[in-house]
Protein backbone atom coordinates (compact mmCIF):
# COMPACT_ATOMS: atom_id res chain seq x y z
CA MET A 1 167.30 226.00 25.58
CA ILE A 2 166.40 229.67 24.50
CA HIS A 3 167.64 230.80 27.76
CA ARG A 4 171.24 229.62 26.99
CA THR A 5 170.87 230.59 23.48
CA ILE A 6 170.69 234.01 24.48
CA LEU A 7 173.29 233.95 27.40
CA ALA A 8 175.43 232.57 24.93
CA LEU A 9 174.76 235.15 22.42
CA ALA A 10 175.01 238.36 25.24
CA CYS A 11 178.35 236.37 25.93
CA VAL A 12 179.89 237.27 22.67
CA LEU A 13 177.85 240.38 21.82
CA SER A 14 180.33 241.61 25.58
CA ILE A 15 183.38 240.12 24.50
CA ALA A 16 182.73 241.62 21.29
CA SER A 17 181.65 245.36 23.07
CA ALA A 18 184.52 245.07 25.73
CA PRO A 19 186.28 248.17 25.55
CA ALA A 20 190.58 247.19 24.95
CA ILE A 21 192.46 247.03 28.02
CA PRO A 22 196.03 247.63 27.78
CA ALA A 23 198.55 244.35 28.77
CA ASP A 24 201.24 244.60 30.98
CA ASP A 25 203.47 245.76 28.07
CA GLY A 26 201.61 248.63 27.73
CA THR A 27 199.76 246.80 24.20
CA LYS A 28 196.25 246.67 23.50
CA ASN A 29 195.01 243.45 22.58
CA VAL A 30 192.16 242.16 24.43
CA VAL A 31 191.78 239.84 21.03
CA VAL A 32 194.77 237.99 20.81
CA ALA A 33 195.86 236.00 17.46
CA LYS A 34 197.35 233.12 20.17
CA GLN A 35 196.45 229.26 19.13
CA ALA A 36 193.72 228.89 21.69
CA ASN A 37 194.30 224.59 21.99
CA ALA A 38 198.10 225.28 22.22
CA ALA A 39 199.64 223.73 25.71
CA GLU A 40 200.61 226.67 27.81
CA THR A 41 202.18 226.15 31.43
CA VAL A 42 200.10 227.93 34.49
CA PRO A 43 203.18 230.02 35.96
CA LYS A 44 203.93 230.84 39.26
CA PHE A 45 202.49 233.37 41.24
CA ASP A 46 204.62 234.41 44.31
CA LYS A 47 203.85 237.42 46.66
CA ALA A 48 206.05 239.98 44.39
CA PHE A 49 203.70 239.45 41.65
CA LEU A 50 200.35 238.89 43.32
CA THR A 51 201.38 242.13 45.38
CA ASN A 52 202.38 244.52 42.51
CA PRO A 53 200.20 247.42 42.32
CA LYS A 54 200.38 248.01 38.40
CA ASN A 55 199.60 244.01 38.31
CA ILE A 56 196.28 244.44 40.52
CA ALA A 57 195.68 247.47 38.58
CA ALA A 58 195.79 245.74 35.18
CA GLY A 59 193.60 243.08 36.77
CA GLN A 60 190.79 245.44 38.26
CA ALA A 61 190.76 246.56 34.38
CA VAL A 62 190.09 242.94 32.88
CA TRP A 63 187.55 242.36 35.93
CA GLU A 64 185.53 245.41 35.12
CA GLY A 65 185.65 245.59 31.31
CA GLN A 66 184.21 241.47 31.17
CA CYS A 67 184.13 239.44 34.57
CA ARG A 68 182.03 241.45 36.07
CA HIS A 69 178.78 241.29 33.74
CA CYS A 70 178.70 237.79 35.10
CA HIS A 71 180.02 237.49 38.52
CA GLY A 72 178.78 241.13 38.93
CA SER A 73 180.96 244.23 40.54
CA LYS A 74 182.43 242.41 43.29
CA ALA A 75 181.86 238.68 42.77
CA TYR A 76 178.25 238.82 43.73
CA PRO A 77 175.42 238.74 43.00
CA GLY A 78 176.11 238.04 39.30
CA LYS A 79 174.96 235.18 36.95
CA ALA A 80 177.94 232.91 38.14
CA PRO A 81 179.06 231.48 41.36
CA LYS A 82 180.05 234.07 44.15
CA LEU A 83 183.95 233.78 44.80
CA ASN A 84 185.71 233.59 47.25
CA PRO A 85 188.92 234.01 46.83
CA GLY A 86 190.70 233.45 50.34
CA GLN A 87 190.34 229.49 49.64
CA LEU A 88 191.29 229.62 46.16
CA GLU A 89 195.37 229.20 44.73
CA PRO A 90 196.56 231.61 42.41
CA GLU A 91 196.91 229.17 39.92
CA PHE A 92 193.49 227.25 40.56
CA ILE A 93 191.80 230.55 39.25
CA PHE A 94 193.93 231.13 36.77
CA ASP A 95 193.46 227.59 35.38
CA ARG A 96 189.64 228.24 35.22
CA VAL A 97 190.23 231.95 33.31
CA THR A 98 192.32 230.35 30.93
CA ASN A 99 190.44 227.28 30.12
CA GLY A 100 187.27 227.98 31.99
CA PHE A 101 184.46 225.48 33.83
CA GLY A 102 181.21 224.05 33.53
CA LYS A 103 179.68 227.41 31.81
CA MET A 104 182.26 229.53 32.19
CA PRO A 105 184.27 230.11 28.95
CA SER A 106 187.75 229.78 28.14
CA TRP A 107 189.45 233.47 28.42
CA LYS A 108 192.70 232.48 26.31
CA ALA A 109 191.99 233.27 23.07
CA VAL A 110 190.49 236.78 24.64
CA PHE A 111 193.11 237.74 26.84
CA SER A 112 196.93 237.85 26.92
CA LEU A 113 198.61 235.49 28.87
CA ALA A 114 199.89 239.27 31.16
CA GLN A 115 196.11 240.10 31.52
CA ARG A 116 195.10 236.67 32.54
CA ARG A 117 197.65 236.66 35.76
CA SER A 118 196.80 240.35 36.50
CA VAL A 119 193.37 239.05 37.13
CA VAL A 120 194.53 236.76 39.31
CA ALA A 121 196.43 239.68 41.02
CA TYR A 122 193.32 241.99 41.57
CA ILE A 123 191.20 238.75 42.73
CA LYS A 124 193.56 237.67 45.61
CA SER A 125 194.45 241.45 46.22
CA ASP A 126 192.87 243.51 49.36
CA ASP A 127 190.95 245.40 46.82
CA PHE A 128 188.82 242.23 45.51
CA TRP A 129 186.34 241.35 48.17
CA PRO A 130 182.96 240.16 47.68
């Protein structure tokens, strides 16, 4: 129980101290004033979006600023499971980033839609391979 409390506190502190990461529109909004419970349609991920260097770079910034704390610098070794992006559909990755799963928290209220989409582009890119 103490281990979970310490882990939860570490996650909260890492979020609070995470640097502001620009969204696709150029604004800085790590903490987005969104309704976390509002229904959100999973966006479509086409090849043009997933291979756009701007989207990949924005996703890498989010990954390095937050995700690698648990998943490791290239998804392994980390506190969270190793990612195998070749076997994961972009919509599945987006859903997990947005809504969380298991011990992974939801990032919907922390990162903008553009930032969460960009993380998917980075994870699915050739630049990201564990």
